[in-house]
Amino acid sequence: MKYIIYEYATGMEKLFEQYPHLKDYFDSLTLDNNYLIQLMECAYKNVDYLNDIIYSALSKRQEYHRIGHLHIFENQLTHEIIRLEVKKYAIEVESRDKNNIFFDILYHNLKSYVIINGNL
């Protein structure tokens, strides 16, 4: 499955709680023009900093590989290959489920976030 994760910008979590339809609107945005990119910048944080956090947490593990913004981890027990790509405002994870090392790292480092099933 493919999961897309966004980290809310400061103050947006309370706004989205108060106006749930606004949250649905932002979650459905695609970055196909400058106006939508500017809207996305208002609602979500830039998550580039997660590249360094993920690398520092996993760099000593033999099963981990990094190619730019793409992080790959092969689970030795299940032989599942998990991919995580950090984009400017989104994190895309391809895995069987949300029980893996990448989600553990994200849960510990993101303060307020939304996870969207990218297979919908």
N, C-alpha and C. Protein backbone atom coordinates (compact mmCIF):
# COMPACT_ATOMS: atom_id res chain seq x y z
N MET A 1 0.83 -1.18 0.00
CA MET A 1 0.00 0.00 0.00
C MET A 1 0.88 1.25 0.00
N LYS A 2 0.32 2.29 -0.50
CA LYS A 2 1.04 3.56 -0.52
C LYS A 2 0.35 4.51 0.45
N TYR A 3 1.13 5.10 1.34
CA TYR A 3 0.63 6.06 2.32
C TYR A 3 1.30 7.40 2.06
N ILE A 4 0.52 8.47 2.16
CA ILE A 4 1.05 9.82 2.01
C ILE A 4 0.85 10.54 3.34
N ILE A 5 1.93 11.12 3.87
CA ILE A 5 1.89 11.74 5.18
C ILE A 5 2.25 13.22 5.04
N TYR A 6 1.46 14.07 5.67
CA TYR A 6 1.71 15.51 5.71
C TYR A 6 1.85 15.92 7.17
N GLU A 7 2.74 16.86 7.44
CA GLU A 7 2.83 17.44 8.78
C GLU A 7 2.17 18.81 8.73
N TYR A 8 1.24 19.04 9.65
CA TYR A 8 0.53 20.31 9.68
C TYR A 8 1.46 21.46 10.06
N ALA A 9 1.24 22.62 9.45
CA ALA A 9 1.94 23.84 9.84
C ALA A 9 1.41 24.28 11.21
N THR A 10 2.17 25.12 11.88
CA THR A 10 1.80 25.60 13.20
C THR A 10 0.41 26.24 13.19
N GLY A 11 -0.45 25.81 14.08
CA GLY A 11 -1.78 26.37 14.21
C GLY A 11 -2.84 25.75 13.31
N MET A 12 -2.44 24.99 12.31
CA MET A 12 -3.41 24.44 11.37
C MET A 12 -4.21 23.29 11.97
N GLU A 13 -3.64 22.56 12.91
CA GLU A 13 -4.37 21.43 13.50
C GLU A 13 -5.65 21.90 14.18
N LYS A 14 -5.56 22.99 14.93
CA LYS A 14 -6.75 23.54 15.60
C LYS A 14 -7.77 24.06 14.58
N LEU A 15 -7.28 24.67 13.52
CA LEU A 15 -8.16 25.18 12.48
C LEU A 15 -8.89 24.02 11.79
N PHE A 16 -8.17 22.94 11.50
CA PHE A 16 -8.78 21.77 10.86
C PHE A 16 -9.78 21.08 11.78
N GLU A 17 -9.51 21.08 13.08
CA GLU A 17 -10.48 20.50 14.03
C GLU A 17 -11.76 21.32 14.03
N GLN A 18 -11.62 22.62 13.95
CA GLN A 18 -12.78 23.50 13.97
C GLN A 18 -13.57 23.44 12.65
N TYR A 19 -12.86 23.29 11.53
CA TYR A 19 -13.48 23.25 10.20
C TYR A 19 -13.03 21.99 9.46
N PRO A 20 -13.64 20.84 9.71
CA PRO A 20 -13.19 19.59 9.09
C PRO A 20 -13.27 19.59 7.56
N HIS A 21 -14.20 20.35 6.98
CA HIS A 21 -14.30 20.40 5.52
C HIS A 21 -13.07 21.08 4.91
N LEU A 22 -12.50 22.02 5.62
CA LEU A 22 -11.27 22.68 5.16
C LEU A 22 -10.12 21.67 5.11
N LYS A 23 -10.04 20.81 6.11
CA LYS A 23 -9.01 19.77 6.14
C LYS A 23 -9.17 18.83 4.94
N ASP A 24 -10.40 18.42 4.66
CA ASP A 24 -10.66 17.55 3.51
C ASP A 24 -10.22 18.22 2.21
N TYR A 25 -10.45 19.52 2.11
CA TYR A 25 -10.05 20.26 0.92
C TYR A 25 -8.53 20.23 0.75
N PHE A 26 -7.80 20.53 1.82
CA PHE A 26 -6.33 20.54 1.73
C PHE A 26 -5.78 19.15 1.47
N ASP A 27 -6.40 18.13 2.05
CA ASP A 27 -5.92 16.77 1.84
C ASP A 27 -6.09 16.31 0.39
N SER A 28 -7.02 16.93 -0.33
CA SER A 28 -7.27 16.52 -1.71
C SER A 28 -6.48 17.34 -2.73
N LEU A 29 -5.72 18.33 -2.30
CA LEU A 29 -4.97 19.17 -3.23
C LEU A 29 -3.88 18.40 -3.95
N THR A 30 -3.66 18.75 -5.20
CA THR A 30 -2.51 18.26 -5.95
C THR A 30 -1.67 19.47 -6.32
N LEU A 31 -0.39 19.26 -6.50
CA LEU A 31 0.52 20.38 -6.72
C LEU A 31 0.72 20.64 -8.21
N ASP A 32 -0.38 20.95 -8.92
CA ASP A 32 -0.22 21.15 -10.35
C ASP A 32 -0.20 22.60 -10.80
N ASN A 33 -0.27 23.56 -9.88
CA ASN A 33 -0.05 24.96 -10.27
C ASN A 33 0.43 25.76 -9.06
N ASN A 34 0.94 26.96 -9.32
CA ASN A 34 1.55 27.77 -8.26
C ASN A 34 0.56 28.15 -7.16
N TYR A 35 -0.69 28.40 -7.51
CA TYR A 35 -1.69 28.75 -6.51
C TYR A 35 -1.88 27.61 -5.51
N LEU A 36 -1.99 26.39 -6.00
CA LEU A 36 -2.18 25.25 -5.10
C LEU A 36 -0.93 24.99 -4.27
N ILE A 37 0.23 25.23 -4.83
CA ILE A 37 1.48 25.09 -4.07
C ILE A 37 1.51 26.09 -2.92
N GLN A 38 1.09 27.33 -3.18
CA GLN A 38 1.05 28.35 -2.11
C GLN A 38 0.04 27.97 -1.03
N LEU A 39 -1.11 27.42 -1.41
CA LEU A 39 -2.08 26.94 -0.42
C LEU A 39 -1.48 25.82 0.43
N MET A 40 -0.78 24.91 -0.23
CA MET A 40 -0.15 23.79 0.47
C MET A 40 0.89 24.30 1.47
N GLU A 41 1.64 25.33 1.09
CA GLU A 41 2.65 25.90 1.99
C GLU A 41 2.01 26.50 3.24
N CYS A 42 0.77 26.98 3.13
CA CYS A 42 0.08 27.54 4.30
C CYS A 42 -0.33 26.44 5.28
N ALA A 43 -0.73 25.30 4.77
CA ALA A 43 -1.32 24.25 5.61
C ALA A 43 -0.30 23.25 6.15
N TYR A 44 0.73 22.96 5.37
CA TYR A 44 1.65 21.89 5.75
C TYR A 44 3.08 22.39 5.86
N LYS A 45 3.85 21.73 6.72
CA LYS A 45 5.27 22.07 6.90
C LYS A 45 6.12 21.43 5.81
N ASN A 46 7.23 22.05 5.53
CA ASN A 46 8.25 21.45 4.68
C ASN A 46 8.89 20.32 5.49
N VAL A 47 8.95 19.13 4.93
CA VAL A 47 9.44 17.97 5.69
C VAL A 47 10.82 17.49 5.22
N ASP A 48 11.57 18.33 4.51
CA ASP A 48 12.91 17.95 4.06
C ASP A 48 13.82 17.54 5.22
N TYR A 49 13.62 18.12 6.39
CA TYR A 49 14.47 17.83 7.54
C TYR A 49 14.41 16.35 7.94
N LEU A 50 13.37 15.65 7.53
CA LEU A 50 13.24 14.23 7.90
C LEU A 50 14.26 13.34 7.21
N ASN A 51 14.82 13.79 6.08
CA ASN A 51 15.87 13.00 5.42
C ASN A 51 17.02 12.73 6.38
N ASP A 52 17.48 13.76 7.07
CA ASP A 52 18.60 13.61 8.00
C ASP A 52 18.22 12.78 9.22
N ILE A 53 17.00 12.94 9.71
CA ILE A 53 16.56 12.17 10.89
C ILE A 53 16.49 10.69 10.56
N ILE A 54 15.92 10.35 9.41
CA ILE A 54 15.82 8.95 9.01
C ILE A 54 17.20 8.37 8.77
N TYR A 55 18.05 9.12 8.09
CA TYR A 55 19.40 8.64 7.83
C TYR A 55 20.18 8.40 9.12
N SER A 56 20.11 9.33 10.05
CA SER A 56 20.86 9.15 11.31
C SER A 56 20.32 7.98 12.12
N ALA A 57 19.03 7.70 12.03
CA ALA A 57 18.45 6.59 12.79
C ALA A 57 18.78 5.24 12.18
N LEU A 58 18.98 5.18 10.87
CA LEU A 58 19.13 3.87 10.21
C LEU A 58 20.46 3.64 9.50
N SER A 59 21.33 4.62 9.43
CA SER A 59 22.53 4.51 8.60
C SER A 59 23.45 3.36 8.98
N LYS A 60 23.43 2.94 10.20
CA LYS A 60 24.30 1.84 10.63
C LYS A 60 23.69 0.46 10.38
N ARG A 61 22.46 0.42 9.94
CA ARG A 61 21.77 -0.85 9.68
C ARG A 61 22.11 -1.35 8.29
N GLN A 62 22.45 -2.60 8.18
CA GLN A 62 22.84 -3.21 6.91
C GLN A 62 21.66 -3.24 5.92
N GLU A 63 20.44 -3.32 6.42
CA GLU A 63 19.26 -3.44 5.56
C GLU A 63 18.81 -2.12 4.97
N TYR A 64 19.45 -1.01 5.36
CA TYR A 64 19.02 0.32 4.96
C TYR A 64 19.88 0.86 3.82
N HIS A 65 19.20 1.52 2.86
CA HIS A 65 19.90 2.18 1.74
C HIS A 65 19.22 3.52 1.49
N ARG A 66 20.02 4.48 1.08
CA ARG A 66 19.49 5.81 0.76
C ARG A 66 20.01 6.25 -0.59
N ILE A 67 19.08 6.75 -1.41
CA ILE A 67 19.42 7.32 -2.71
C ILE A 67 18.72 8.68 -2.77
N GLY A 68 19.44 9.74 -2.41
CA GLY A 68 18.86 11.08 -2.37
C GLY A 68 17.75 11.16 -1.33
N HIS A 69 16.54 11.45 -1.80
CA HIS A 69 15.38 11.56 -0.91
C HIS A 69 14.64 10.23 -0.75
N LEU A 70 15.13 9.18 -1.39
CA LEU A 70 14.50 7.86 -1.32
C LEU A 70 15.24 7.01 -0.30
N HIS A 71 14.47 6.47 0.66
CA HIS A 71 15.02 5.61 1.71
C HIS A 71 14.41 4.23 1.53
N ILE A 72 15.27 3.20 1.55
CA ILE A 72 14.81 1.82 1.32
C ILE A 72 15.27 0.96 2.49
N PHE A 73 14.36 0.14 2.99
CA PHE A 73 14.68 -0.76 4.10
C PHE A 73 14.12 -2.13 3.77
N GLU A 74 14.99 -3.16 3.86
CA GLU A 74 14.54 -4.53 3.63
C GLU A 74 14.43 -5.23 4.97
N ASN A 75 13.20 -5.63 5.30
CA ASN A 75 12.96 -6.34 6.54
C ASN A 75 13.53 -7.75 6.41
N GLN A 76 14.48 -8.09 7.28
CA GLN A 76 15.17 -9.39 7.21
C GLN A 76 14.24 -10.56 7.53
N LEU A 77 13.24 -10.33 8.39
CA LEU A 77 12.33 -11.42 8.78
C LEU A 77 11.28 -11.70 7.71
N THR A 78 10.67 -10.66 7.18
CA THR A 78 9.58 -10.85 6.22
C THR A 78 10.04 -10.71 4.77
N HIS A 79 11.25 -10.23 4.55
CA HIS A 79 11.82 -9.96 3.23
C HIS A 79 11.01 -8.90 2.46
N GLU A 80 10.24 -8.10 3.20
CA GLU A 80 9.50 -7.00 2.58
C GLU A 80 10.44 -5.83 2.35
N ILE A 81 10.33 -5.22 1.20
CA ILE A 81 11.11 -4.02 0.89
C ILE A 81 10.19 -2.82 1.08
N ILE A 82 10.58 -1.93 1.98
CA ILE A 82 9.78 -0.75 2.33
C ILE A 82 10.48 0.47 1.76
N ARG A 83 9.72 1.30 1.07
CA ARG A 83 10.28 2.51 0.48
C ARG A 83 9.64 3.74 1.10
N LEU A 84 10.46 4.73 1.37
CA LEU A 84 9.98 6.01 1.87
C LEU A 84 10.64 7.10 1.05
N GLU A 85 9.85 8.01 0.51
CA GLU A 85 10.39 9.12 -0.25
C GLU A 85 9.93 10.42 0.40
N VAL A 86 10.89 11.30 0.68
CA VAL A 86 10.59 12.59 1.28
C VAL A 86 10.51 13.61 0.15
N LYS A 87 9.32 14.18 0.00
CA LYS A 87 9.12 15.25 -0.97
C LYS A 87 9.06 16.55 -0.19
N LYS A 88 8.82 17.66 -0.84
CA LYS A 88 8.88 18.95 -0.15
C LYS A 88 7.85 19.05 0.99
N TYR A 89 6.59 18.69 0.73
CA TYR A 89 5.55 18.81 1.75
C TYR A 89 4.92 17.47 2.10
N ALA A 90 5.38 16.40 1.52
CA ALA A 90 4.76 15.10 1.76
C ALA A 90 5.80 14.02 1.91
N ILE A 91 5.41 12.99 2.63
CA ILE A 91 6.24 11.80 2.79
C ILE A 91 5.42 10.66 2.20
N GLU A 92 6.00 9.92 1.27
CA GLU A 92 5.30 8.78 0.67
C GLU A 92 5.97 7.49 1.13
N VAL A 93 5.17 6.61 1.69
CA VAL A 93 5.68 5.33 2.18
C VAL A 93 4.96 4.22 1.43
N GLU A 94 5.74 3.30 0.87
CA GLU A 94 5.17 2.12 0.24
C GLU A 94 5.53 0.93 1.11
N SER A 95 4.49 0.32 1.71
CA SER A 95 4.70 -0.84 2.57
C SER A 95 3.39 -1.61 2.67
N ARG A 96 3.48 -2.81 3.20
CA ARG A 96 2.30 -3.64 3.37
C ARG A 96 1.32 -3.04 4.37
N ASP A 97 1.85 -2.48 5.45
CA ASP A 97 1.01 -1.88 6.48
C ASP A 97 1.80 -0.77 7.19
N LYS A 98 1.22 -0.22 8.25
CA LYS A 98 1.86 0.89 8.96
C LYS A 98 2.72 0.42 10.13
N ASN A 99 2.96 -0.88 10.25
CA ASN A 99 3.81 -1.41 11.31
C ASN A 99 5.20 -1.69 10.77
N ASN A 100 6.01 -0.63 10.66
CA ASN A 100 7.37 -0.80 10.17
C ASN A 100 8.27 0.29 10.76
N ILE A 101 9.54 0.16 10.49
CA ILE A 101 10.54 1.04 11.10
C ILE A 101 10.38 2.50 10.66
N PHE A 102 9.96 2.75 9.42
CA PHE A 102 9.79 4.12 8.96
C PHE A 102 8.66 4.81 9.72
N PHE A 103 7.53 4.13 9.90
CA PHE A 103 6.44 4.73 10.64
C PHE A 103 6.82 4.95 12.10
N ASP A 104 7.61 4.06 12.68
CA ASP A 104 8.07 4.28 14.06
C ASP A 104 8.85 5.58 14.17
N ILE A 105 9.75 5.81 13.22
CA ILE A 105 10.56 7.04 13.23
C ILE A 105 9.66 8.27 13.02
N LEU A 106 8.72 8.18 12.10
CA LEU A 106 7.83 9.31 11.83
C LEU A 106 6.94 9.62 13.03
N TYR A 107 6.39 8.59 13.68
CA TYR A 107 5.53 8.82 14.85
C TYR A 107 6.29 9.56 15.96
N HIS A 108 7.58 9.28 16.09
CA HIS A 108 8.37 9.90 17.15
C HIS A 108 8.83 11.32 16.81
N ASN A 109 8.81 11.68 15.53
CA ASN A 109 9.37 12.97 15.13
C ASN A 109 8.37 13.98 14.59
N LEU A 110 7.19 13.56 14.22
CA LEU A 110 6.17 14.49 13.73
C LEU A 110 5.25 14.86 14.88
N LYS A 111 4.96 16.14 15.01
CA LYS A 111 4.10 16.60 16.10
C LYS A 111 2.62 16.46 15.74
N SER A 112 2.22 16.94 14.60
CA SER A 112 0.83 16.82 14.17
C SER A 112 0.85 16.49 12.67
N TYR A 113 0.18 15.44 12.30
CA TYR A 113 0.27 14.95 10.94
C TYR A 113 -1.02 14.29 10.53
N VAL A 114 -1.15 14.02 9.23
CA VAL A 114 -2.28 13.28 8.68
C VAL A 114 -1.70 12.23 7.75
N ILE A 115 -2.27 11.02 7.80
CA ILE A 115 -1.85 9.93 6.93
C ILE A 115 -3.01 9.66 5.98
N ILE A 116 -2.71 9.64 4.69
CA ILE A 116 -3.72 9.40 3.66
C ILE A 116 -3.33 8.13 2.93
N ASN A 117 -4.30 7.25 2.72
CA ASN A 117 -4.05 6.04 1.94
C ASN A 117 -3.99 6.46 0.48
N GLY A 118 -2.84 6.32 -0.12
CA GLY A 118 -2.64 6.74 -1.49
C GLY A 118 -3.24 5.80 -2.52
N ASN A 119 -3.79 4.67 -2.09
CA ASN A 119 -4.38 3.70 -3.01
C ASN A 119 -5.86 3.94 -3.25
N LEU A 120 -6.42 5.00 -2.70
CA LEU A 120 -7.85 5.24 -2.86
C LEU A 120 -8.19 5.66 -4.27
